[in-house]
Structures are given as structure tokens and as C-alpha cells.
């Protein structure tokens, strides 16, 4: 079933995030900003932000107040500014200004959890280390009967057994888009869903 899900969804959605970025580091910044915030709002902010600062060195050298000012329209901007500055300093001091390519190293960065690390690894480097389970992936997976788990970490472990490893990142990207636009939390759009006939929850 999983292969069929992926096959159908990739005809409808692109295998990519809706966050705009042009380097792995820009993706890290965008992912930090996207916590409890809409991607469209993050893209609005990063469009201007990345004109001023777009390397770890530039963010590390900027004052916290400067970063806060640039991102003040996103939720929890003070915490996020702190994370971005700390991440930038770590990347400069420890990694020569490069974004590390291992899940353990990414998870050690301030403000980056497992979900974010998975997103960064796949979308910046094409590396499949796990499945990024956000609220959309969790909801769609539950509705499809792929997991009954309520916790993202446990759902991820189950999904990793069902989805072929080379499809982990793609699976996550596609389910995020399905969940955002069609399989919504309230009033899912059954008539538009490419998985309607496969779905055990179609009576919702």
C-alpha cells in the first residue's frame, strides 16, 4: 500500500518543502523559523532576512537585537533569534561554517529536534536517516491506517518499517502537502483526494 500511496501522491505534489532556501544553512534557518508558524509567513520573512544575512558567519557576527528585528513578525521570534545565532556560532566554530550531515550532530544544535533534523538531511542533502513526522504526517498516517501511535517518535519508528528507506524523505514531503491541502484536520476534502479508494477513514 505504501508504494501505491507514494506513486499516486507524486503525480499530484512535488517532492519538496514549501520553505524557500538556496543553501543547506538557509534551510536550517527556515526550519527553525517554521516551528508553530506558517511556511508562507517564513518565506515572507526569509526573503528579506537572507538579503542581509545568509551565512553562519554573518549571523554569528550580527547582534541578537538585529536578528530579532528582522524576524519579529514570526511567532516566538526572541527564542528563534537566539537559536539561529547559537547555531551559527556552533557551525562557524565547530564545522567550518558548514551544516553537518549526521542526524546526531543536527539534533545537538539548539532548536533542532529529530523531525527538523530529518527534514534538513533529506531536503538539503538527499540523505534518508528517518521520517520527519509533523502533525500532517501523523494525521494522514493515522487516517490511512499506517500507524495508531499518537506520539511522532513512535509513529516514525512504525512508518520506517513500512516505507522503503530510499523513500523516507519523499514520503514525509508528500504527506505534509496532502495533509496541508486535502487531508486537513477539519473537513478533509475527500472528493479531491488521490488516495480516496485506499483510505479506511473516507467516511470521516
N, C-alpha and C. Protein backbone atom coordinates (compact mmCIF):
# COMPACT_ATOMS: atom_id res chain seq x y z
N UNK A 1 0.82 -1.22 0.00
CA UNK A 1 0.00 0.00 0.00
C UNK A 1 0.86 1.27 0.00
N UNK A 2 1.94 1.25 0.76
CA UNK A 2 2.78 2.45 0.88
C UNK A 2 3.32 2.88 -0.48
N UNK A 3 3.78 1.91 -1.27
CA UNK A 3 4.32 2.24 -2.60
C UNK A 3 3.25 2.91 -3.46
N UNK A 4 2.01 2.40 -3.35
CA UNK A 4 0.89 2.98 -4.12
C UNK A 4 0.58 4.40 -3.65
N UNK A 5 0.64 4.60 -2.34
CA UNK A 5 0.43 5.94 -1.77
C UNK A 5 1.44 6.92 -2.37
N UNK A 6 2.71 6.54 -2.34
CA UNK A 6 3.77 7.42 -2.86
C UNK A 6 3.58 7.67 -4.35
N UNK A 7 3.30 6.59 -5.10
CA UNK A 7 3.14 6.69 -6.55
C UNK A 7 2.03 7.68 -6.92
N UNK A 8 0.92 7.59 -6.21
CA UNK A 8 -0.20 8.49 -6.51
C UNK A 8 0.10 9.93 -6.09
N UNK A 9 0.68 10.08 -4.92
CA UNK A 9 0.91 11.43 -4.41
C UNK A 9 1.95 12.18 -5.24
N UNK A 10 2.96 11.46 -5.77
CA UNK A 10 3.99 12.20 -6.53
C UNK A 10 3.47 12.67 -7.89
N UNK A 11 2.30 12.18 -8.29
CA UNK A 11 1.68 12.71 -9.51
C UNK A 11 0.98 14.04 -9.23
N UNK A 12 0.70 14.28 -7.95
CA UNK A 12 -0.08 15.46 -7.56
C UNK A 12 0.79 16.54 -6.91
N UNK A 13 1.77 16.11 -6.12
CA UNK A 13 2.58 17.05 -5.35
C UNK A 13 4.06 16.92 -5.68
N UNK A 14 4.81 18.02 -5.54
CA UNK A 14 6.27 17.94 -5.73
C UNK A 14 6.94 17.34 -4.49
N UNK A 15 8.07 16.68 -4.70
CA UNK A 15 8.84 16.11 -3.58
C UNK A 15 9.74 17.19 -3.01
N UNK A 16 9.12 18.18 -2.37
CA UNK A 16 9.94 19.24 -1.74
C UNK A 16 9.13 19.98 -0.69
N UNK A 17 9.85 20.66 0.16
CA UNK A 17 9.21 21.50 1.17
C UNK A 17 8.70 22.78 0.53
N UNK A 18 7.78 23.46 1.20
CA UNK A 18 7.32 24.76 0.70
C UNK A 18 8.15 25.91 1.26
N UNK A 19 9.14 25.60 2.07
CA UNK A 19 10.06 26.63 2.55
C UNK A 19 11.05 26.97 1.44
N UNK A 20 11.32 28.25 1.25
CA UNK A 20 12.29 28.67 0.23
C UNK A 20 13.69 28.73 0.83
N UNK A 21 14.66 28.16 0.12
CA UNK A 21 16.05 28.21 0.57
C UNK A 21 16.95 27.93 -0.63
N UNK A 22 18.20 28.42 -0.55
CA UNK A 22 19.13 28.14 -1.66
C UNK A 22 20.40 27.45 -1.18
N UNK A 23 20.56 27.30 0.14
CA UNK A 23 21.72 26.58 0.68
C UNK A 23 21.25 25.74 1.87
N UNK A 24 22.02 24.72 2.26
CA UNK A 24 21.65 23.95 3.46
C UNK A 24 21.48 24.84 4.70
N UNK A 25 22.35 25.84 4.84
CA UNK A 25 22.24 26.71 6.01
C UNK A 25 20.95 27.52 5.99
N UNK A 26 20.57 28.03 4.82
CA UNK A 26 19.31 28.77 4.73
C UNK A 26 18.13 27.87 5.11
N UNK A 27 18.21 26.59 4.76
CA UNK A 27 17.15 25.66 5.15
C UNK A 27 17.11 25.50 6.67
N UNK A 28 18.26 25.41 7.30
CA UNK A 28 18.31 25.30 8.77
C UNK A 28 17.60 26.50 9.40
N UNK A 29 17.92 27.69 8.93
CA UNK A 29 17.30 28.91 9.46
C UNK A 29 15.78 28.88 9.23
N UNK A 30 15.37 28.51 8.02
CA UNK A 30 13.94 28.46 7.68
C UNK A 30 13.20 27.44 8.54
N UNK A 31 13.83 26.30 8.79
CA UNK A 31 13.20 25.25 9.61
C UNK A 31 13.04 25.74 11.06
N UNK A 32 14.04 26.41 11.59
CA UNK A 32 13.93 26.97 12.95
C UNK A 32 12.76 27.97 13.00
N UNK A 33 12.67 28.83 11.99
CA UNK A 33 11.61 29.84 11.96
C UNK A 33 10.22 29.22 11.78
N UNK A 34 10.17 28.04 11.18
CA UNK A 34 8.87 27.44 10.83
C UNK A 34 8.15 26.76 11.99
N UNK A 35 8.82 26.62 13.13
CA UNK A 35 8.16 25.99 14.28
C UNK A 35 6.93 26.81 14.69
N UNK A 36 5.76 26.16 14.66
CA UNK A 36 4.49 26.83 15.01
C UNK A 36 4.27 28.13 14.22
N UNK A 37 4.66 28.05 12.96
CA UNK A 37 4.46 29.20 12.06
C UNK A 37 4.18 28.68 10.66
N UNK A 38 3.42 29.43 9.88
CA UNK A 38 3.11 29.01 8.51
C UNK A 38 4.32 29.18 7.60
N UNK A 39 4.50 28.25 6.68
CA UNK A 39 5.62 28.34 5.74
C UNK A 39 5.56 29.63 4.93
N UNK A 40 4.35 30.04 4.55
CA UNK A 40 4.20 31.26 3.74
C UNK A 40 4.74 32.48 4.50
N UNK A 41 4.47 32.54 5.79
CA UNK A 41 4.98 33.65 6.62
C UNK A 41 6.51 33.58 6.72
N UNK A 42 7.04 32.36 6.91
CA UNK A 42 8.50 32.19 6.99
C UNK A 42 9.15 32.66 5.69
N UNK A 43 8.57 32.29 4.55
CA UNK A 43 9.14 32.70 3.25
C UNK A 43 9.13 34.22 3.08
N UNK A 44 8.08 34.86 3.60
CA UNK A 44 8.00 36.33 3.57
C UNK A 44 9.18 36.93 4.33
N UNK A 45 9.44 36.37 5.50
CA UNK A 45 10.50 36.89 6.38
C UNK A 45 11.89 36.59 5.80
N UNK A 46 12.10 35.35 5.34
CA UNK A 46 13.44 34.99 4.86
C UNK A 46 13.80 35.69 3.56
N UNK A 47 12.80 36.09 2.79
CA UNK A 47 13.08 36.82 1.54
C UNK A 47 13.91 38.07 1.83
N UNK A 48 13.55 38.78 2.88
CA UNK A 48 14.30 39.99 3.28
C UNK A 48 15.50 39.63 4.15
N UNK A 49 15.30 38.69 5.07
CA UNK A 49 16.36 38.30 6.00
C UNK A 49 17.62 37.85 5.27
N UNK A 50 17.45 36.98 4.25
CA UNK A 50 18.61 36.42 3.56
C UNK A 50 19.33 37.43 2.66
N UNK A 51 18.71 38.60 2.44
CA UNK A 51 19.41 39.67 1.71
C UNK A 51 20.45 40.32 2.64
N UNK A 52 20.15 40.28 3.95
CA UNK A 52 21.07 40.91 4.92
C UNK A 52 22.07 39.90 5.48
N UNK A 53 21.56 38.74 5.86
CA UNK A 53 22.42 37.69 6.44
C UNK A 53 22.06 36.37 5.77
N UNK A 54 23.05 35.65 5.24
CA UNK A 54 22.70 34.32 4.73
C UNK A 54 23.81 33.29 4.91
N UNK A 55 24.80 33.62 5.74
CA UNK A 55 25.84 32.64 6.07
C UNK A 55 25.95 32.54 7.60
N UNK A 56 26.46 31.43 8.10
CA UNK A 56 26.65 31.31 9.55
C UNK A 56 27.51 32.44 10.11
N UNK A 57 28.56 32.81 9.35
CA UNK A 57 29.47 33.88 9.80
C UNK A 57 28.71 35.19 9.99
N UNK A 58 27.86 35.52 9.02
CA UNK A 58 27.11 36.78 9.10
C UNK A 58 26.13 36.79 10.28
N UNK A 59 25.45 35.67 10.49
CA UNK A 59 24.52 35.59 11.63
C UNK A 59 25.29 35.59 12.95
N UNK A 60 26.43 34.91 12.99
CA UNK A 60 27.23 34.85 14.22
C UNK A 60 27.73 36.25 14.60
N UNK A 61 28.05 37.04 13.59
CA UNK A 61 28.57 38.39 13.84
C UNK A 61 27.47 39.41 14.15
N UNK A 62 26.25 39.10 13.74
CA UNK A 62 25.13 40.03 13.97
C UNK A 62 24.75 40.02 15.45
N UNK A 63 24.22 41.14 15.91
CA UNK A 63 23.74 41.17 17.30
C UNK A 63 22.39 40.47 17.37
N UNK A 64 22.06 39.99 18.57
CA UNK A 64 20.78 39.33 18.78
C UNK A 64 19.63 40.28 18.43
N UNK A 65 19.81 41.55 18.77
CA UNK A 65 18.77 42.56 18.50
C UNK A 65 18.53 42.72 17.00
N UNK A 66 19.62 42.69 16.23
CA UNK A 66 19.48 42.81 14.76
C UNK A 66 18.67 41.65 14.19
N UNK A 67 18.99 40.44 14.67
CA UNK A 67 18.28 39.25 14.16
C UNK A 67 16.82 39.31 14.60
N UNK A 68 16.58 39.67 15.87
CA UNK A 68 15.20 39.78 16.37
C UNK A 68 14.38 40.75 15.53
N UNK A 69 14.99 41.88 15.20
CA UNK A 69 14.29 42.90 14.42
C UNK A 69 13.85 42.35 13.06
N UNK A 70 14.73 41.58 12.44
CA UNK A 70 14.44 41.04 11.10
C UNK A 70 13.36 39.96 11.11
N UNK A 71 13.22 39.25 12.23
CA UNK A 71 12.27 38.12 12.25
C UNK A 71 11.10 38.36 13.20
N UNK A 72 10.90 39.62 13.60
CA UNK A 72 9.93 39.92 14.67
C UNK A 72 8.48 39.57 14.31
N UNK A 73 8.19 39.35 13.04
CA UNK A 73 6.79 39.03 12.68
C UNK A 73 6.47 37.54 12.79
N UNK A 74 7.47 36.69 13.10
CA UNK A 74 7.17 35.26 13.28
C UNK A 74 6.92 34.97 14.77
N UNK A 75 6.21 33.88 15.03
CA UNK A 75 5.92 33.50 16.41
C UNK A 75 7.20 33.15 17.16
N UNK A 76 7.23 33.45 18.45
CA UNK A 76 8.37 33.12 19.33
C UNK A 76 9.70 33.63 18.76
N UNK A 77 9.67 34.83 18.19
CA UNK A 77 10.85 35.32 17.46
C UNK A 77 12.09 35.50 18.34
N UNK A 78 11.88 35.81 19.63
CA UNK A 78 13.05 36.00 20.50
C UNK A 78 13.81 34.69 20.71
N UNK A 79 13.06 33.62 20.98
CA UNK A 79 13.70 32.30 21.11
C UNK A 79 14.37 31.89 19.82
N UNK A 80 13.68 32.11 18.71
CA UNK A 80 14.21 31.68 17.41
C UNK A 80 15.47 32.46 17.03
N UNK A 81 15.49 33.75 17.35
CA UNK A 81 16.69 34.55 17.08
C UNK A 81 17.88 34.00 17.87
N UNK A 82 17.62 33.64 19.12
CA UNK A 82 18.67 33.07 19.98
C UNK A 82 19.19 31.76 19.38
N UNK A 83 18.26 30.89 18.97
CA UNK A 83 18.66 29.61 18.36
C UNK A 83 19.51 29.83 17.11
N UNK A 84 19.06 30.74 16.25
CA UNK A 84 19.76 30.97 14.98
C UNK A 84 21.17 31.50 15.24
N UNK A 85 21.29 32.41 16.18
CA UNK A 85 22.63 32.95 16.49
C UNK A 85 23.52 31.86 17.09
N UNK A 86 22.98 31.07 18.02
CA UNK A 86 23.78 30.00 18.64
C UNK A 86 24.18 28.93 17.61
N UNK A 87 23.24 28.54 16.76
CA UNK A 87 23.55 27.56 15.71
C UNK A 87 24.67 28.09 14.82
N UNK A 88 24.56 29.35 14.44
CA UNK A 88 25.57 29.97 13.55
C UNK A 88 26.95 29.94 14.20
N UNK A 89 27.00 30.28 15.48
CA UNK A 89 28.29 30.27 16.20
C UNK A 89 28.88 28.87 16.24
N UNK A 90 28.03 27.87 16.51
CA UNK A 90 28.49 26.47 16.56
C UNK A 90 29.01 26.04 15.19
N UNK A 91 28.27 26.37 14.13
CA UNK A 91 28.69 25.96 12.78
C UNK A 91 30.03 26.59 12.41
N UNK A 92 30.21 27.84 12.78
CA UNK A 92 31.48 28.53 12.48
C UNK A 92 32.62 27.92 13.28
N UNK A 93 32.40 27.73 14.58
CA UNK A 93 33.48 27.27 15.47
C UNK A 93 33.81 25.79 15.30
N UNK A 94 32.77 24.97 15.06
CA UNK A 94 32.97 23.52 15.09
C UNK A 94 32.98 22.86 13.71
N UNK A 95 32.29 23.47 12.75
CA UNK A 95 32.11 22.80 11.45
C UNK A 95 32.61 23.62 10.26
N UNK A 96 33.43 24.62 10.52
CA UNK A 96 33.96 25.43 9.41
C UNK A 96 32.88 26.12 8.60
N UNK A 97 31.77 26.44 9.26
CA UNK A 97 30.69 27.15 8.57
C UNK A 97 29.78 26.26 7.74
N UNK A 98 29.99 24.94 7.82
CA UNK A 98 29.16 24.00 7.05
C UNK A 98 28.08 23.38 7.94
N UNK A 99 26.98 22.96 7.32
CA UNK A 99 25.93 22.24 8.05
C UNK A 99 26.31 20.77 8.12
N UNK A 100 26.36 20.17 9.32
CA UNK A 100 26.74 18.75 9.42
C UNK A 100 25.70 17.84 8.77
N UNK A 101 26.17 16.67 8.34
CA UNK A 101 25.29 15.75 7.60
C UNK A 101 24.92 14.51 8.40
N UNK A 102 24.96 14.60 9.72
CA UNK A 102 24.51 13.45 10.51
C UNK A 102 23.38 13.88 11.43
N UNK A 103 22.47 12.96 11.67
CA UNK A 103 21.29 13.29 12.48
C UNK A 103 21.68 13.64 13.91
N UNK A 104 22.69 12.95 14.45
CA UNK A 104 23.11 13.21 15.83
C UNK A 104 23.65 14.64 15.96
N UNK A 105 24.48 15.03 15.00
CA UNK A 105 25.07 16.38 15.08
C UNK A 105 24.00 17.46 14.89
N UNK A 106 23.07 17.22 13.98
CA UNK A 106 22.00 18.20 13.77
C UNK A 106 21.11 18.31 15.01
N UNK A 107 20.79 17.17 15.62
CA UNK A 107 19.93 17.19 16.81
C UNK A 107 20.59 17.89 17.99
N UNK A 108 21.91 17.98 17.97
CA UNK A 108 22.62 18.67 19.04
C UNK A 108 22.59 20.19 18.89
N UNK A 109 22.12 20.67 17.73
CA UNK A 109 22.06 22.12 17.53
C UNK A 109 20.83 22.68 18.26
N UNK A 110 20.95 23.87 18.85
CA UNK A 110 19.82 24.46 19.58
C UNK A 110 18.60 24.63 18.68
N UNK A 111 17.42 24.24 19.18
CA UNK A 111 16.18 24.43 18.43
C UNK A 111 15.92 23.42 17.33
N UNK A 112 16.80 22.42 17.19
CA UNK A 112 16.62 21.40 16.14
C UNK A 112 16.32 20.06 16.80
N UNK A 113 15.11 19.56 16.60
CA UNK A 113 14.75 18.23 17.11
C UNK A 113 14.89 17.20 16.01
N UNK A 114 14.45 16.00 16.29
CA UNK A 114 14.60 14.91 15.31
C UNK A 114 13.82 15.18 14.02
N UNK A 115 12.59 15.68 14.16
CA UNK A 115 11.79 15.97 12.97
C UNK A 115 12.51 16.96 12.06
N UNK A 116 13.00 18.05 12.64
CA UNK A 116 13.70 19.07 11.86
C UNK A 116 14.98 18.52 11.24
N UNK A 117 15.70 17.71 12.02
CA UNK A 117 16.95 17.12 11.51
C UNK A 117 16.67 16.24 10.29
N UNK A 118 15.61 15.44 10.36
CA UNK A 118 15.23 14.60 9.22
C UNK A 118 14.89 15.45 7.99
N UNK A 119 14.15 16.51 8.21
CA UNK A 119 13.78 17.41 7.10
C UNK A 119 15.01 18.02 6.44
N UNK A 120 15.94 18.47 7.28
CA UNK A 120 17.15 19.13 6.76
C UNK A 120 18.00 18.13 5.99
N UNK A 121 18.22 16.95 6.57
CA UNK A 121 19.08 15.95 5.91
C UNK A 121 18.56 15.59 4.53
N UNK A 122 17.26 15.35 4.43
CA UNK A 122 16.72 14.92 3.13
C UNK A 122 16.65 16.08 2.14
N UNK A 123 16.12 17.22 2.59
CA UNK A 123 15.87 18.31 1.64
C UNK A 123 17.11 19.11 1.28
N UNK A 124 18.13 19.07 2.13
CA UNK A 124 19.38 19.76 1.81
C UNK A 124 20.39 18.83 1.15
N UNK A 125 20.40 17.56 1.56
CA UNK A 125 21.47 16.65 1.13
C UNK A 125 20.98 15.35 0.47
N UNK A 126 19.67 15.12 0.45
CA UNK A 126 19.15 13.87 -0.12
C UNK A 126 19.45 12.65 0.73
N UNK A 127 19.68 12.87 2.03
CA UNK A 127 20.01 11.76 2.94
C UNK A 127 18.76 11.31 3.70
N UNK A 128 18.48 10.00 3.67
CA UNK A 128 17.34 9.43 4.39
C UNK A 128 17.82 8.79 5.69
N UNK A 129 17.64 9.50 6.80
CA UNK A 129 18.02 8.97 8.11
C UNK A 129 16.79 8.58 8.92
N UNK A 130 15.65 9.11 8.52
CA UNK A 130 14.40 8.85 9.24
C UNK A 130 13.26 9.52 8.51
N UNK A 131 12.09 9.51 9.11
CA UNK A 131 10.91 10.14 8.52
C UNK A 131 10.50 11.32 9.40
N UNK A 132 10.44 12.50 8.81
CA UNK A 132 10.02 13.69 9.56
C UNK A 132 8.52 13.60 9.80
N UNK A 133 8.13 13.38 11.04
CA UNK A 133 6.70 13.24 11.37
C UNK A 133 6.21 14.52 12.03
N UNK A 134 5.57 15.36 11.23
CA UNK A 134 4.93 16.54 11.80
C UNK A 134 3.45 16.23 12.00
N UNK A 135 2.65 17.24 12.34
CA UNK A 135 1.23 16.97 12.62
C UNK A 135 0.50 16.46 11.39
N UNK A 136 0.89 16.93 10.20
CA UNK A 136 0.23 16.47 8.97
C UNK A 136 0.56 15.00 8.69
N UNK A 137 1.84 14.67 8.77
CA UNK A 137 2.27 13.28 8.52
C UNK A 137 1.61 12.34 9.52
N UNK A 138 1.54 12.76 10.78
CA UNK A 138 0.92 11.93 11.82
C UNK A 138 -0.56 11.71 11.52
N UNK A 139 -1.26 12.79 11.23
CA UNK A 139 -2.70 12.69 10.97
C UNK A 139 -3.00 11.82 9.75
N UNK A 140 -2.30 12.07 8.64
CA UNK A 140 -2.55 11.32 7.41
C UNK A 140 -2.20 9.84 7.60
N UNK A 141 -1.09 9.57 8.27
CA UNK A 141 -0.67 8.18 8.51
C UNK A 141 -1.70 7.43 9.35
N UNK A 142 -2.24 8.13 10.35
CA UNK A 142 -3.28 7.51 11.19
C UNK A 142 -4.54 7.23 10.37
N UNK A 143 -4.94 8.20 9.57
CA UNK A 143 -6.17 8.03 8.77
C UNK A 143 -6.01 6.91 7.73
N UNK A 144 -4.80 6.75 7.22
CA UNK A 144 -4.55 5.68 6.24
C UNK A 144 -4.40 4.31 6.90
N UNK A 145 -4.37 4.31 8.24
CA UNK A 145 -4.22 3.05 8.97
C UNK A 145 -2.79 2.55 9.00
N UNK A 146 -1.82 3.45 8.75
CA UNK A 146 -0.41 3.03 8.75
C UNK A 146 0.17 3.01 10.16
N UNK A 147 -0.42 3.78 11.06
CA UNK A 147 0.01 3.77 12.46
C UNK A 147 -1.17 4.17 13.34
N UNK A 148 -1.15 3.66 14.57
CA UNK A 148 -2.14 4.11 15.56
C UNK A 148 -1.46 4.97 16.63
N UNK A 149 -0.14 5.11 16.51
CA UNK A 149 0.62 5.84 17.52
C UNK A 149 0.20 7.31 17.56
N UNK A 150 0.20 7.87 18.77
CA UNK A 150 -0.14 9.29 18.94
C UNK A 150 1.12 10.15 19.01
N UNK A 151 2.24 9.53 19.39
CA UNK A 151 3.48 10.30 19.53
C UNK A 151 4.30 10.21 18.25
N UNK A 152 4.78 11.35 17.75
CA UNK A 152 5.55 11.36 16.50
C UNK A 152 6.73 10.39 16.49
N UNK A 153 7.46 10.30 17.62
CA UNK A 153 8.66 9.44 17.67
C UNK A 153 8.27 7.97 17.47
N UNK A 154 7.16 7.56 18.11
CA UNK A 154 6.73 6.16 17.98
C UNK A 154 6.15 5.91 16.59
N UNK A 155 5.40 6.88 16.08
CA UNK A 155 4.85 6.74 14.73
C UNK A 155 5.98 6.62 13.72
N UNK A 156 7.03 7.41 13.91
CA UNK A 156 8.17 7.36 12.98
C UNK A 156 8.77 5.95 12.94
N UNK A 157 8.95 5.35 14.10
CA UNK A 157 9.55 4.00 14.14
C UNK A 157 8.69 3.00 13.38
N UNK A 158 7.37 3.10 13.51
CA UNK A 158 6.47 2.20 12.78
C UNK A 158 6.52 2.47 11.28
N UNK A 159 6.50 3.73 10.91
CA UNK A 159 6.50 4.09 9.48
C UNK A 159 7.80 3.69 8.80
N UNK A 160 8.91 3.78 9.54
CA UNK A 160 10.21 3.40 8.97
C UNK A 160 10.25 1.92 8.60
N UNK A 161 9.43 1.12 9.27
CA UNK A 161 9.37 -0.32 8.94
C UNK A 161 8.51 -0.56 7.70
N UNK A 162 7.57 0.33 7.45
CA UNK A 162 6.63 0.15 6.33
C UNK A 162 7.12 0.79 5.03
N UNK A 163 7.81 1.92 5.15
CA UNK A 163 8.22 2.68 3.97
C UNK A 163 9.65 2.30 3.60
N UNK A 164 9.93 2.01 2.32
CA UNK A 164 11.31 1.71 1.92
C UNK A 164 12.24 2.87 2.28
N UNK A 165 13.43 2.55 2.75
CA UNK A 165 14.34 3.58 3.26
C UNK A 165 14.62 4.68 2.24
N UNK A 166 14.77 4.32 0.98
CA UNK A 166 15.11 5.35 -0.02
C UNK A 166 13.92 6.28 -0.32
N UNK A 167 12.77 6.01 0.31
CA UNK A 167 11.57 6.84 0.09
C UNK A 167 11.18 7.64 1.34
N UNK A 168 11.95 7.52 2.42
CA UNK A 168 11.55 8.14 3.69
C UNK A 168 11.30 9.64 3.57
N UNK A 169 12.27 10.35 3.00
CA UNK A 169 12.13 11.82 2.90
C UNK A 169 11.00 12.22 1.97
N UNK A 170 10.91 11.52 0.85
CA UNK A 170 9.85 11.80 -0.12
C UNK A 170 8.47 11.56 0.51
N UNK A 171 8.34 10.45 1.23
CA UNK A 171 7.08 10.09 1.90
C UNK A 171 6.63 11.23 2.81
N UNK A 172 7.56 11.74 3.60
CA UNK A 172 7.25 12.83 4.52
C UNK A 172 6.82 14.09 3.77
N UNK A 173 7.59 14.50 2.76
CA UNK A 173 7.26 15.70 2.00
C UNK A 173 5.87 15.60 1.37
N UNK A 174 5.57 14.45 0.79
CA UNK A 174 4.28 14.27 0.11
C UNK A 174 3.11 14.27 1.10
N UNK A 175 3.29 13.60 2.25
CA UNK A 175 2.21 13.57 3.24
C UNK A 175 1.97 14.94 3.88
N UNK A 176 3.02 15.72 4.04
CA UNK A 176 2.86 17.08 4.57
C UNK A 176 1.93 17.88 3.65
N UNK A 177 2.17 17.79 2.34
CA UNK A 177 1.36 18.55 1.38
C UNK A 177 -0.07 18.02 1.30
N UNK A 178 -0.22 16.70 1.32
CA UNK A 178 -1.57 16.12 1.33
C UNK A 178 -2.33 16.59 2.57
N UNK A 179 -1.66 16.55 3.72
CA UNK A 179 -2.29 16.95 4.97
C UNK A 179 -2.61 18.44 5.03
N UNK A 180 -1.77 19.22 4.40
CA UNK A 180 -1.96 20.68 4.43
C UNK A 180 -3.13 21.12 3.54
N UNK A 181 -3.27 20.48 2.39
CA UNK A 181 -4.23 20.97 1.39
C UNK A 181 -5.47 20.11 1.18
N UNK A 182 -5.39 18.82 1.47
CA UNK A 182 -6.53 17.94 1.18
C UNK A 182 -7.00 17.20 2.43
N UNK A 183 -6.10 16.47 3.07
CA UNK A 183 -6.46 15.67 4.24
C UNK A 183 -6.32 16.54 5.50
N UNK A 184 -7.11 17.61 5.52
CA UNK A 184 -7.00 18.61 6.58
C UNK A 184 -7.61 18.08 7.88
N UNK A 185 -7.24 18.72 8.99
CA UNK A 185 -7.72 18.26 10.30
C UNK A 185 -9.24 18.34 10.38
N UNK A 186 -9.80 19.45 9.91
CA UNK A 186 -11.26 19.62 9.88
C UNK A 186 -11.74 19.51 8.43
N UNK A 187 -12.83 18.85 8.21
CA UNK A 187 -13.45 18.73 6.89
C UNK A 187 -12.47 18.35 5.78
N UNK A 188 -11.89 17.15 5.86
CA UNK A 188 -10.99 16.72 4.79
C UNK A 188 -11.72 16.69 3.44
N UNK A 189 -10.99 17.05 2.38
CA UNK A 189 -11.60 17.16 1.04
C UNK A 189 -11.55 15.81 0.33
N UNK A 190 -12.45 14.91 0.71
CA UNK A 190 -12.44 13.55 0.16
C UNK A 190 -12.53 13.53 -1.36
N UNK A 191 -13.34 14.42 -1.93
CA UNK A 191 -13.56 14.38 -3.38
C UNK A 191 -12.30 14.73 -4.16
N UNK A 192 -11.35 15.41 -3.51
CA UNK A 192 -10.11 15.79 -4.19
C UNK A 192 -8.96 14.83 -3.90
N UNK A 193 -9.19 13.86 -3.01
CA UNK A 193 -8.06 13.05 -2.52
C UNK A 193 -7.67 11.93 -3.49
N UNK A 194 -6.40 11.90 -3.89
CA UNK A 194 -5.94 10.84 -4.80
C UNK A 194 -5.88 9.47 -4.13
N UNK A 195 -6.06 9.43 -2.80
CA UNK A 195 -5.99 8.15 -2.07
C UNK A 195 -7.37 7.69 -1.59
N UNK A 196 -8.41 8.34 -2.06
CA UNK A 196 -9.76 8.10 -1.52
C UNK A 196 -10.12 6.62 -1.47
N UNK A 197 -9.90 5.90 -2.56
CA UNK A 197 -10.32 4.49 -2.60
C UNK A 197 -9.47 3.58 -1.72
N UNK A 198 -8.27 4.07 -1.33
CA UNK A 198 -7.38 3.27 -0.47
C UNK A 198 -7.64 3.52 1.01
N UNK A 199 -8.37 4.58 1.31
CA UNK A 199 -8.38 5.11 2.68
C UNK A 199 -9.47 4.50 3.55
N UNK A 200 -9.09 3.92 4.69
CA UNK A 200 -10.08 3.36 5.61
C UNK A 200 -10.86 4.43 6.36
N UNK A 201 -10.43 5.70 6.26
CA UNK A 201 -11.10 6.78 7.02
C UNK A 201 -11.97 7.65 6.11
N UNK A 202 -12.34 7.15 4.95
CA UNK A 202 -13.03 8.03 3.99
C UNK A 202 -14.43 8.43 4.42
N UNK A 203 -14.95 7.81 5.49
CA UNK A 203 -16.28 8.21 5.97
C UNK A 203 -16.21 9.36 6.96
N UNK A 204 -15.02 9.81 7.30
CA UNK A 204 -14.85 10.90 8.29
C UNK A 204 -15.71 12.11 7.93
